[in-house]
N, C-alpha and C. Protein backbone atom coordinates (compact mmCIF):
# COMPACT_ATOMS: atom_id res chain seq x y z
N MET A 1 41.88 1.38 -61.99
CA MET A 1 42.10 0.01 -61.30
C MET A 1 41.36 -0.91 -61.76
N ASN A 2 41.84 -2.00 -62.80
CA ASN A 2 40.79 -2.80 -62.85
C ASN A 2 40.82 -4.16 -61.93
N ASN A 3 39.87 -4.94 -62.22
CA ASN A 3 39.73 -6.11 -60.95
C ASN A 3 41.27 -6.96 -60.76
N ARG A 4 41.51 -7.33 -62.06
CA ARG A 4 42.95 -8.08 -61.85
C ARG A 4 43.84 -7.53 -60.63
N GLU A 5 44.15 -6.38 -60.99
CA GLU A 5 45.11 -5.64 -59.76
C GLU A 5 44.64 -5.60 -58.70
N LYS A 6 43.19 -5.45 -58.47
CA LYS A 6 42.73 -5.70 -56.75
C LYS A 6 43.21 -7.02 -55.99
N THR A 7 43.11 -8.19 -56.90
CA THR A 7 43.65 -9.55 -56.15
C THR A 7 44.83 -9.80 -56.13
N VAL A 8 45.72 -9.04 -56.79
CA VAL A 8 47.17 -9.51 -56.72
C VAL A 8 47.54 -9.16 -55.29
N LYS A 9 48.09 -9.98 -54.57
CA LYS A 9 48.58 -9.69 -53.48
C LYS A 9 50.08 -9.36 -53.33
N GLN A 10 50.31 -8.20 -52.32
CA GLN A 10 51.50 -7.62 -52.52
C GLN A 10 52.21 -8.29 -51.57
N LYS A 11 53.88 -8.65 -51.49
CA LYS A 11 54.61 -9.15 -50.64
C LYS A 11 54.88 -8.25 -49.82
N PRO A 12 55.20 -8.82 -48.39
CA PRO A 12 55.61 -7.64 -47.39
C PRO A 12 56.91 -7.47 -47.46
N THR A 13 57.29 -6.22 -47.20
CA THR A 13 58.68 -5.82 -47.17
C THR A 13 59.29 -5.46 -45.65
N GLY A 14 60.66 -5.84 -45.67
CA GLY A 14 61.06 -5.87 -44.50
C GLY A 14 62.63 -6.39 -44.57
N ASN A 15 63.21 -6.59 -43.26
CA ASN A 15 64.46 -7.21 -43.16
C ASN A 15 64.06 -8.47 -43.46
N LYS A 16 64.83 -9.19 -44.16
CA LYS A 16 65.16 -10.71 -44.66
C LYS A 16 66.25 -11.26 -44.47
N VAL A 17 66.36 -12.22 -44.43
CA VAL A 17 67.72 -12.90 -44.77
C VAL A 17 67.61 -13.63 -45.87
N ALA A 18 68.87 -14.02 -46.86
CA ALA A 18 69.04 -14.47 -47.94
C ALA A 18 67.82 -15.65 -48.46
N GLY A 19 67.44 -16.57 -47.22
CA GLY A 19 66.56 -17.85 -47.71
C GLY A 19 64.84 -17.20 -47.62
N GLY A 20 64.97 -15.83 -47.59
CA GLY A 20 63.81 -15.24 -47.56
C GLY A 20 62.57 -15.34 -46.29
N THR A 21 63.16 -15.73 -45.19
CA THR A 21 62.57 -15.92 -43.83
C THR A 21 62.65 -14.37 -43.07
N PRO A 22 61.93 -13.97 -42.50
CA PRO A 22 62.12 -12.96 -41.69
C PRO A 22 62.88 -12.78 -40.63
N ILE A 23 63.72 -11.90 -40.21
CA ILE A 23 64.85 -12.03 -39.24
C ILE A 23 63.93 -12.28 -37.47
N ASN A 24 62.91 -11.17 -37.72
CA ASN A 24 62.33 -11.38 -36.45
C ASN A 24 61.21 -11.69 -36.87
N PRO A 25 60.95 -12.97 -36.92
CA PRO A 25 59.27 -13.23 -37.14
C PRO A 25 58.59 -13.17 -35.51
N LYS A 26 57.16 -13.46 -35.82
CA LYS A 26 56.31 -12.90 -34.47
C LYS A 26 56.55 -14.36 -33.88
N PRO A 27 56.51 -14.28 -32.43
CA PRO A 27 56.66 -15.34 -31.72
C PRO A 27 55.33 -16.17 -31.68
N ARG A 28 55.60 -17.51 -31.69
CA ARG A 28 54.17 -18.05 -31.90
C ARG A 28 53.58 -18.23 -30.30
N LYS A 29 52.18 -18.20 -30.33
CA LYS A 29 51.56 -18.38 -28.97
C LYS A 29 51.79 -19.75 -28.36
N GLU A 30 52.12 -20.12 -27.36
CA GLU A 30 52.02 -21.10 -26.68
C GLU A 30 51.00 -21.64 -25.76
N VAL A 31 50.34 -22.68 -26.12
CA VAL A 31 49.09 -22.98 -25.28
C VAL A 31 49.52 -24.46 -24.60
N VAL A 32 49.78 -24.43 -23.44
CA VAL A 32 49.99 -25.83 -22.63
C VAL A 32 48.89 -26.68 -22.76
N ILE A 33 49.07 -28.14 -22.84
CA ILE A 33 47.88 -28.94 -22.88
C ILE A 33 48.26 -29.63 -21.46
N ALA A 34 49.25 -30.41 -21.65
CA ALA A 34 49.72 -31.21 -20.37
C ALA A 34 51.17 -31.13 -20.12
N LEU A 35 51.27 -31.13 -18.75
CA LEU A 35 52.61 -30.72 -18.04
C LEU A 35 52.81 -32.31 -17.20
N ASN A 36 54.04 -32.84 -17.35
CA ASN A 36 54.60 -33.86 -16.54
C ASN A 36 55.35 -33.44 -15.27
N LYS A 37 54.57 -33.06 -14.21
CA LYS A 37 55.36 -32.54 -12.80
C LYS A 37 55.72 -33.69 -12.31
N ARG A 38 55.42 -34.90 -12.34
CA ARG A 38 56.03 -35.62 -11.73
C ARG A 38 57.72 -35.90 -12.17
N ALA A 39 58.02 -35.78 -13.44
CA ALA A 39 59.14 -36.05 -14.08
C ALA A 39 60.11 -35.12 -13.24
N TYR A 40 60.04 -34.08 -13.05
CA TYR A 40 60.67 -33.04 -12.23
C TYR A 40 61.04 -33.54 -10.71
N HIS A 41 60.26 -34.43 -10.46
CA HIS A 41 60.41 -34.91 -8.86
C HIS A 41 60.90 -35.85 -8.66
N ASP A 42 60.87 -37.09 -9.92
CA ASP A 42 61.51 -38.48 -10.08
C ASP A 42 62.91 -38.30 -10.54
N PHE A 43 63.12 -37.22 -11.60
CA PHE A 43 64.16 -37.05 -12.62
C PHE A 43 65.21 -35.92 -12.49
N GLU A 44 66.25 -35.91 -12.68
CA GLU A 44 67.04 -34.75 -12.92
C GLU A 44 67.30 -34.58 -14.45
N ILE A 45 66.52 -33.39 -14.47
CA ILE A 45 66.76 -32.95 -16.18
C ILE A 45 68.17 -32.39 -16.26
N LEU A 46 68.64 -32.91 -17.49
CA LEU A 46 69.88 -32.54 -17.72
C LEU A 46 69.85 -31.67 -18.86
N ASP A 47 68.95 -31.89 -20.10
CA ASP A 47 69.08 -31.37 -21.28
C ASP A 47 67.52 -31.49 -21.80
N LYS A 48 66.95 -30.16 -22.33
CA LYS A 48 65.55 -30.36 -22.98
C LYS A 48 65.91 -30.10 -24.48
N TYR A 49 64.73 -30.71 -25.23
CA TYR A 49 64.41 -30.91 -26.72
C TYR A 49 63.06 -30.53 -26.95
N GLU A 50 62.71 -29.54 -28.01
CA GLU A 50 61.53 -29.64 -28.42
C GLU A 50 61.36 -30.51 -29.81
N THR A 51 60.15 -31.08 -29.93
CA THR A 51 59.97 -31.82 -30.97
C THR A 51 58.33 -31.62 -31.54
N GLY A 52 58.17 -32.15 -32.79
CA GLY A 52 56.85 -32.04 -33.36
C GLY A 52 56.34 -33.37 -33.09
N ILE A 53 55.20 -33.87 -33.05
CA ILE A 53 54.82 -34.99 -32.77
C ILE A 53 53.74 -35.40 -34.26
N VAL A 54 53.55 -36.64 -34.75
CA VAL A 54 52.63 -37.08 -35.69
C VAL A 54 51.27 -37.43 -34.90
N LEU A 55 50.43 -36.91 -35.36
CA LEU A 55 49.12 -37.14 -34.77
C LEU A 55 47.93 -37.05 -35.89
N SER A 56 46.82 -37.73 -35.56
CA SER A 56 45.59 -38.10 -36.34
C SER A 56 44.66 -37.10 -36.17
N GLY A 57 43.56 -36.77 -36.69
CA GLY A 57 42.58 -35.74 -36.72
C GLY A 57 41.92 -35.93 -35.12
N THR A 58 41.37 -37.00 -34.89
CA THR A 58 41.02 -36.97 -33.49
C THR A 58 41.72 -36.75 -32.33
N GLU A 59 42.87 -37.04 -32.46
CA GLU A 59 43.66 -36.99 -31.78
C GLU A 59 44.02 -35.32 -31.25
N VAL A 60 44.20 -34.53 -32.33
CA VAL A 60 44.36 -33.22 -32.21
C VAL A 60 43.08 -32.47 -31.77
N LYS A 61 41.99 -32.94 -31.98
CA LYS A 61 40.58 -32.31 -31.49
C LYS A 61 40.63 -32.82 -30.00
N SER A 62 41.04 -33.93 -29.43
CA SER A 62 40.99 -34.34 -28.41
C SER A 62 42.03 -33.61 -27.66
N LEU A 63 43.13 -32.95 -27.93
CA LEU A 63 43.97 -32.21 -27.49
C LEU A 63 43.68 -30.84 -27.57
N ARG A 64 42.78 -30.44 -28.37
CA ARG A 64 42.15 -29.01 -27.99
C ARG A 64 41.22 -28.81 -26.90
N ASP A 65 40.76 -29.88 -26.45
CA ASP A 65 40.09 -29.90 -25.21
C ASP A 65 40.84 -30.16 -23.99
N HIS A 66 41.97 -30.43 -24.17
CA HIS A 66 42.85 -30.51 -23.32
C HIS A 66 42.69 -31.84 -22.60
N LYS A 67 42.70 -33.05 -23.34
CA LYS A 67 42.25 -34.51 -22.78
C LYS A 67 43.65 -35.24 -23.17
N ALA A 68 44.60 -34.98 -22.12
CA ALA A 68 45.96 -35.80 -22.25
C ALA A 68 46.68 -35.95 -20.98
N SER A 69 47.37 -36.90 -20.77
CA SER A 69 48.25 -36.99 -19.76
C SER A 69 49.56 -37.68 -20.23
N LEU A 70 50.74 -37.10 -19.46
CA LEU A 70 52.19 -37.78 -19.51
C LEU A 70 52.75 -38.33 -18.69
N VAL A 71 51.88 -38.50 -17.49
CA VAL A 71 52.28 -39.53 -16.50
C VAL A 71 52.69 -40.93 -16.86
N ASP A 72 53.97 -41.38 -16.51
CA ASP A 72 54.42 -42.69 -17.12
C ASP A 72 54.68 -42.86 -18.66
N SER A 73 54.79 -41.66 -19.13
CA SER A 73 55.32 -41.92 -20.48
C SER A 73 56.80 -41.58 -20.80
N TYR A 74 57.19 -42.16 -21.79
CA TYR A 74 58.76 -42.04 -22.17
C TYR A 74 58.95 -41.84 -23.67
N ALA A 75 59.92 -41.71 -24.03
CA ALA A 75 60.55 -41.67 -25.24
C ALA A 75 61.36 -42.61 -25.49
N ARG A 76 61.79 -43.36 -26.90
CA ARG A 76 62.59 -44.53 -27.20
C ARG A 76 63.10 -44.06 -28.52
N VAL A 77 64.59 -44.02 -28.93
CA VAL A 77 64.88 -43.93 -30.28
C VAL A 77 65.17 -45.54 -30.77
N LYS A 78 63.87 -46.07 -31.88
CA LYS A 78 64.04 -46.97 -32.59
C LYS A 78 64.43 -46.98 -33.92
N LYS A 79 65.42 -47.34 -34.73
CA LYS A 79 65.84 -47.38 -36.05
C LYS A 79 65.82 -45.88 -36.48
N ASN A 80 66.67 -44.80 -35.64
CA ASN A 80 66.86 -43.82 -36.17
C ASN A 80 65.66 -42.76 -36.16
N GLU A 81 64.51 -43.09 -35.13
CA GLU A 81 63.40 -42.39 -35.20
C GLU A 81 62.78 -42.62 -33.65
N VAL A 82 62.31 -41.29 -33.21
CA VAL A 82 62.23 -41.17 -31.67
C VAL A 82 60.58 -41.58 -31.89
N TRP A 83 60.31 -42.29 -30.78
CA TRP A 83 58.89 -42.62 -30.69
C TRP A 83 58.44 -42.24 -29.17
N LEU A 84 57.33 -41.68 -29.07
CA LEU A 84 56.71 -41.49 -27.41
C LEU A 84 55.71 -42.67 -27.19
N ASN A 85 56.05 -43.16 -25.99
CA ASN A 85 55.17 -44.42 -25.60
C ASN A 85 54.35 -44.11 -24.20
N ASN A 86 53.14 -44.76 -24.14
CA ASN A 86 52.64 -44.75 -22.99
C ASN A 86 51.79 -43.33 -22.63
N ALA A 87 51.75 -42.44 -23.71
CA ALA A 87 51.28 -41.14 -23.29
C ALA A 87 49.77 -41.32 -23.85
N ASN A 88 48.80 -40.71 -22.45
CA ASN A 88 47.32 -40.83 -22.91
C ASN A 88 46.77 -39.73 -23.56
N ILE A 89 46.35 -39.96 -24.60
CA ILE A 89 45.19 -39.02 -25.49
C ILE A 89 44.01 -39.42 -25.16
N ALA A 90 43.10 -39.14 -24.75
CA ALA A 90 41.80 -39.57 -24.53
C ALA A 90 40.95 -39.48 -26.08
N ILE A 91 40.16 -40.51 -25.95
CA ILE A 91 39.40 -40.78 -27.18
C ILE A 91 38.50 -39.66 -27.19
N TYR A 92 38.28 -38.89 -28.44
CA TYR A 92 37.45 -37.80 -28.65
C TYR A 92 35.89 -38.52 -28.76
N LYS A 93 35.22 -37.82 -27.96
CA LYS A 93 33.99 -38.38 -27.67
C LYS A 93 33.12 -37.81 -29.14
N LEU A 94 33.36 -36.89 -29.90
CA LEU A 94 32.67 -37.21 -31.10
C LEU A 94 32.77 -37.72 -32.29
N GLY A 95 34.14 -38.58 -31.97
CA GLY A 95 34.53 -39.17 -33.12
C GLY A 95 33.75 -40.48 -33.44
N THR A 96 33.95 -40.94 -34.33
CA THR A 96 33.02 -42.19 -35.06
C THR A 96 34.28 -43.46 -35.09
N PHE A 97 34.02 -44.55 -35.81
CA PHE A 97 34.81 -45.63 -35.74
C PHE A 97 36.30 -45.33 -36.25
N THR A 98 36.58 -44.00 -36.61
CA THR A 98 37.94 -43.62 -37.03
C THR A 98 38.72 -43.40 -35.59
N ASN A 99 38.16 -43.49 -34.65
CA ASN A 99 38.63 -42.96 -33.61
C ASN A 99 40.27 -43.46 -33.28
N HIS A 100 40.93 -42.97 -32.40
CA HIS A 100 42.43 -43.49 -31.94
C HIS A 100 42.36 -44.09 -30.92
N GLU A 101 43.55 -45.20 -30.75
CA GLU A 101 43.54 -45.72 -29.62
C GLU A 101 44.51 -44.76 -28.59
N PRO A 102 43.87 -44.77 -27.60
CA PRO A 102 44.62 -43.91 -26.45
C PRO A 102 46.09 -43.83 -25.67
N THR A 103 46.89 -44.91 -25.74
CA THR A 103 47.92 -45.16 -25.45
C THR A 103 49.04 -45.71 -26.59
N SER A 104 48.60 -45.08 -27.82
CA SER A 104 49.21 -45.88 -28.64
C SER A 104 50.74 -45.11 -29.04
N SER A 105 51.65 -45.63 -29.40
CA SER A 105 53.09 -45.24 -29.88
C SER A 105 52.89 -44.07 -30.78
N ARG A 106 53.56 -42.90 -30.50
CA ARG A 106 53.47 -41.54 -31.52
C ARG A 106 55.06 -41.35 -31.83
N LYS A 107 54.82 -41.19 -33.26
CA LYS A 107 56.23 -40.69 -33.56
C LYS A 107 56.49 -39.11 -33.49
N LEU A 108 57.84 -38.88 -32.80
CA LEU A 108 58.45 -37.58 -32.63
C LEU A 108 58.88 -37.06 -33.68
N LEU A 109 58.97 -35.95 -34.28
CA LEU A 109 59.67 -35.46 -35.29
C LEU A 109 60.88 -34.49 -35.17
N MET A 110 62.13 -35.05 -35.14
CA MET A 110 63.65 -34.38 -35.19
C MET A 110 64.18 -34.64 -36.01
N LYS A 111 65.28 -33.81 -36.22
CA LYS A 111 65.90 -33.94 -37.52
C LYS A 111 67.27 -34.91 -37.19
N LYS A 112 67.62 -35.62 -38.05
CA LYS A 112 68.43 -36.76 -37.93
C LYS A 112 69.94 -36.81 -36.94
N SER A 113 70.50 -35.19 -37.53
CA SER A 113 71.60 -35.15 -36.68
C SER A 113 71.21 -34.80 -34.86
N GLU A 114 70.45 -34.63 -34.91
CA GLU A 114 69.81 -34.34 -33.43
C GLU A 114 69.38 -35.75 -32.46
N ILE A 115 69.14 -36.60 -33.29
CA ILE A 115 68.44 -37.66 -33.11
C ILE A 115 69.81 -38.82 -32.88
N LYS A 116 70.77 -38.81 -33.73
CA LYS A 116 72.09 -39.33 -33.53
C LYS A 116 72.74 -38.89 -32.41
N LYS A 117 72.95 -37.47 -32.03
CA LYS A 117 73.64 -37.07 -30.82
C LYS A 117 72.59 -37.59 -29.71
N LEU A 118 71.36 -37.41 -29.80
CA LEU A 118 70.60 -38.04 -28.46
C LEU A 118 71.06 -39.54 -28.22
N GLU A 119 70.78 -40.14 -29.08
CA GLU A 119 71.39 -41.89 -29.04
C GLU A 119 72.58 -41.87 -28.65
N ASN A 120 73.62 -41.20 -28.88
CA ASN A 120 74.80 -41.37 -28.46
C ASN A 120 74.68 -40.87 -26.94
N LYS A 121 74.23 -39.99 -26.66
CA LYS A 121 74.01 -39.74 -25.03
C LYS A 121 73.41 -40.74 -24.30
N LEU A 122 72.46 -41.26 -24.69
CA LEU A 122 71.50 -42.55 -24.26
C LEU A 122 72.20 -43.57 -24.10
N LYS A 123 73.38 -43.90 -24.86
CA LYS A 123 74.04 -45.25 -24.93
C LYS A 123 74.90 -44.89 -23.52
N ASP A 124 75.78 -43.91 -23.63
CA ASP A 124 76.66 -43.72 -22.82
C ASP A 124 76.56 -43.90 -21.36
N ARG A 125 75.62 -43.24 -20.96
CA ARG A 125 74.90 -43.42 -19.65
C ARG A 125 73.77 -43.70 -19.35
N SER A 126 73.52 -43.97 -18.17
CA SER A 126 72.11 -44.49 -17.70
C SER A 126 71.00 -43.30 -17.91
N LEU A 127 70.71 -43.12 -18.98
CA LEU A 127 69.74 -41.77 -18.87
C LEU A 127 68.47 -42.11 -19.75
N THR A 128 67.60 -41.65 -19.47
CA THR A 128 66.34 -41.81 -20.28
C THR A 128 65.68 -40.58 -20.69
N LEU A 129 64.65 -40.46 -21.78
CA LEU A 129 63.82 -39.38 -22.47
C LEU A 129 62.33 -39.38 -21.97
N ILE A 130 62.39 -38.23 -21.16
CA ILE A 130 60.91 -38.06 -20.51
C ILE A 130 60.03 -36.78 -21.30
N PRO A 131 58.84 -36.89 -21.56
CA PRO A 131 58.11 -36.01 -21.92
C PRO A 131 57.80 -35.06 -20.73
N LEU A 132 58.14 -33.67 -20.99
CA LEU A 132 57.90 -32.45 -19.98
C LEU A 132 56.38 -31.84 -19.92
N LYS A 133 56.37 -31.53 -21.29
CA LYS A 133 55.25 -30.57 -21.48
C LYS A 133 54.82 -31.09 -23.07
N LEU A 134 53.61 -31.03 -23.17
CA LEU A 134 52.92 -30.99 -24.15
C LEU A 134 52.09 -29.82 -24.78
N TYR A 135 52.16 -28.94 -25.60
CA TYR A 135 51.52 -27.82 -26.06
C TYR A 135 51.43 -27.52 -27.56
N PHE A 136 50.57 -26.38 -27.55
CA PHE A 136 50.39 -26.17 -29.19
C PHE A 136 51.19 -24.59 -29.37
N SER A 137 51.81 -24.73 -30.22
CA SER A 137 52.91 -23.52 -30.87
C SER A 137 52.45 -22.98 -32.03
N GLY A 138 51.40 -22.06 -32.14
CA GLY A 138 50.69 -21.60 -33.35
C GLY A 138 49.81 -23.03 -33.38
N PRO A 139 49.73 -23.35 -34.65
CA PRO A 139 48.76 -24.51 -35.05
C PRO A 139 49.40 -25.95 -34.68
N PHE A 140 50.63 -25.86 -34.24
CA PHE A 140 51.25 -27.08 -34.30
C PHE A 140 51.32 -27.60 -33.18
N VAL A 141 51.42 -29.19 -32.61
CA VAL A 141 51.29 -29.75 -31.30
C VAL A 141 52.94 -30.06 -31.05
N LYS A 142 53.48 -29.60 -30.26
CA LYS A 142 54.80 -29.72 -29.70
C LYS A 142 55.13 -30.41 -28.59
N VAL A 143 55.86 -31.27 -28.23
CA VAL A 143 56.45 -32.02 -27.08
C VAL A 143 57.81 -31.73 -26.63
N GLU A 144 58.07 -31.02 -25.64
CA GLU A 144 59.42 -31.23 -25.10
C GLU A 144 59.86 -32.10 -24.05
N LEU A 145 60.90 -32.60 -24.53
CA LEU A 145 61.50 -33.73 -24.06
C LEU A 145 62.53 -33.44 -23.09
N GLY A 146 62.71 -34.31 -22.00
CA GLY A 146 63.95 -33.96 -21.37
C GLY A 146 64.91 -35.12 -21.42
N LEU A 147 66.39 -34.79 -21.30
CA LEU A 147 67.27 -36.02 -21.22
C LEU A 147 67.24 -35.95 -19.61
N ALA A 148 66.92 -37.15 -18.91
CA ALA A 148 66.71 -37.20 -17.53
C ALA A 148 67.76 -38.28 -17.02
N LYS A 149 67.66 -38.32 -15.59
CA LYS A 149 68.64 -39.18 -14.84
C LYS A 149 67.60 -39.41 -13.93
N GLY A 150 67.62 -40.75 -13.45
CA GLY A 150 66.70 -40.88 -11.95
C GLY A 150 67.18 -40.50 -10.68
N LYS A 151 66.43 -39.89 -10.05
CA LYS A 151 66.67 -39.69 -8.77
C LYS A 151 66.64 -40.75 -7.88
N LYS A 152 67.62 -40.93 -6.81
CA LYS A 152 67.49 -41.67 -5.65
C LYS A 152 66.80 -40.99 -4.69
N GLN A 153 66.13 -41.87 -3.72
CA GLN A 153 65.37 -41.11 -2.37
C GLN A 153 65.98 -40.12 -1.83
N TYR A 154 67.38 -40.16 -1.54
CA TYR A 154 68.00 -39.31 -0.76
C TYR A 154 68.46 -37.84 -1.69
N ASP A 155 68.42 -37.84 -3.15
CA ASP A 155 68.35 -36.88 -3.96
C ASP A 155 66.87 -36.03 -3.86
N LYS A 156 65.89 -36.82 -3.64
CA LYS A 156 64.64 -36.14 -3.69
C LYS A 156 64.13 -35.16 -2.46
N ARG A 157 64.74 -35.94 -1.38
CA ARG A 157 64.78 -35.18 -0.04
C ARG A 157 65.79 -33.97 -0.11
N GLU A 158 66.71 -34.11 -0.62
CA GLU A 158 67.50 -32.87 -1.10
C GLU A 158 67.06 -31.85 -1.53
N SER A 159 66.27 -31.99 -2.74
CA SER A 159 65.61 -31.16 -3.63
C SER A 159 64.52 -30.61 -3.07
N ILE A 160 63.75 -31.21 -2.38
CA ILE A 160 62.62 -30.68 -1.54
C ILE A 160 63.12 -29.83 -0.48
N LYS A 161 64.23 -29.91 0.23
CA LYS A 161 64.94 -29.10 1.33
C LYS A 161 65.33 -27.72 0.59
N LYS A 162 66.06 -27.97 -0.68
CA LYS A 162 66.44 -26.66 -1.11
C LYS A 162 65.09 -25.75 -1.70
N ALA A 163 64.10 -26.49 -2.37
CA ALA A 163 62.80 -25.79 -2.76
C ALA A 163 62.47 -24.96 -1.20
N ASP A 164 62.40 -25.66 -0.09
CA ASP A 164 61.70 -25.00 1.25
C ASP A 164 62.57 -23.99 1.55
N VAL A 165 63.87 -24.04 1.41
CA VAL A 165 64.76 -22.70 1.48
C VAL A 165 64.66 -21.65 0.74
N GLN A 166 64.44 -21.95 -0.71
CA GLN A 166 64.12 -20.90 -1.50
C GLN A 166 62.97 -20.27 -1.31
N ARG A 167 61.82 -20.82 -0.85
CA ARG A 167 60.30 -20.42 -0.48
C ARG A 167 60.71 -19.52 0.72
N GLN A 168 61.23 -19.74 1.94
CA GLN A 168 61.62 -19.04 2.91
C GLN A 168 62.53 -17.83 2.70
N LEU A 169 63.20 -17.85 1.75
CA LEU A 169 64.40 -16.61 1.26
C LEU A 169 63.10 -15.78 0.65
N LYS A 170 62.34 -16.23 -0.26
CA LYS A 170 61.46 -15.39 -0.99
C LYS A 170 60.42 -14.48 0.02
N ARG A 171 60.07 -15.30 1.28
CA ARG A 171 59.18 -14.60 2.19
C ARG A 171 59.87 -13.66 3.06
N VAL A 172 61.27 -13.97 3.43
CA VAL A 172 61.99 -13.06 3.67
C VAL A 172 62.22 -11.51 3.28
N LYS A 173 62.21 -11.76 1.75
CA LYS A 173 62.62 -10.63 1.00
C LYS A 173 61.32 -9.85 0.73
N ILE A 174 60.24 -10.37 0.89
CA ILE A 174 58.96 -9.77 0.69
C ILE A 174 58.76 -9.09 2.16
């Protein structure tokens, strides 16, 4: 064997679909950065979407330190693009003059067909887009958006009662 043959990488064999992607790819490790627990209290979540997010280098470094908050943040569709507003990503402490602004609007990455469907749902009823979770999926940062409808005070009381009943049932079963 000469040196050239040693450096050639062999392609992995296995079950693949026509496009060349593996049928059963390894599931990516999910590391949660921030949760919006308040959203489940204030809103009824009707549907969930997973989106990517456009970030700068210092924003990613700050997220690796888990320095983010989704409280009071929301998403909007503007000119066939989805934007995340009011999400707080803390300033990276080792950053220089190139540091980011903590609460700037950030573009979310979705397919155009998904955005159009989402836009139609938002126009029809009084619904809003709320970020539920910010997390790493492998090397990528993802945002889980919820299509939500605001709860009234009596709805909140009712959901608290249901949660109490569920807790009591679990205690009885144990």
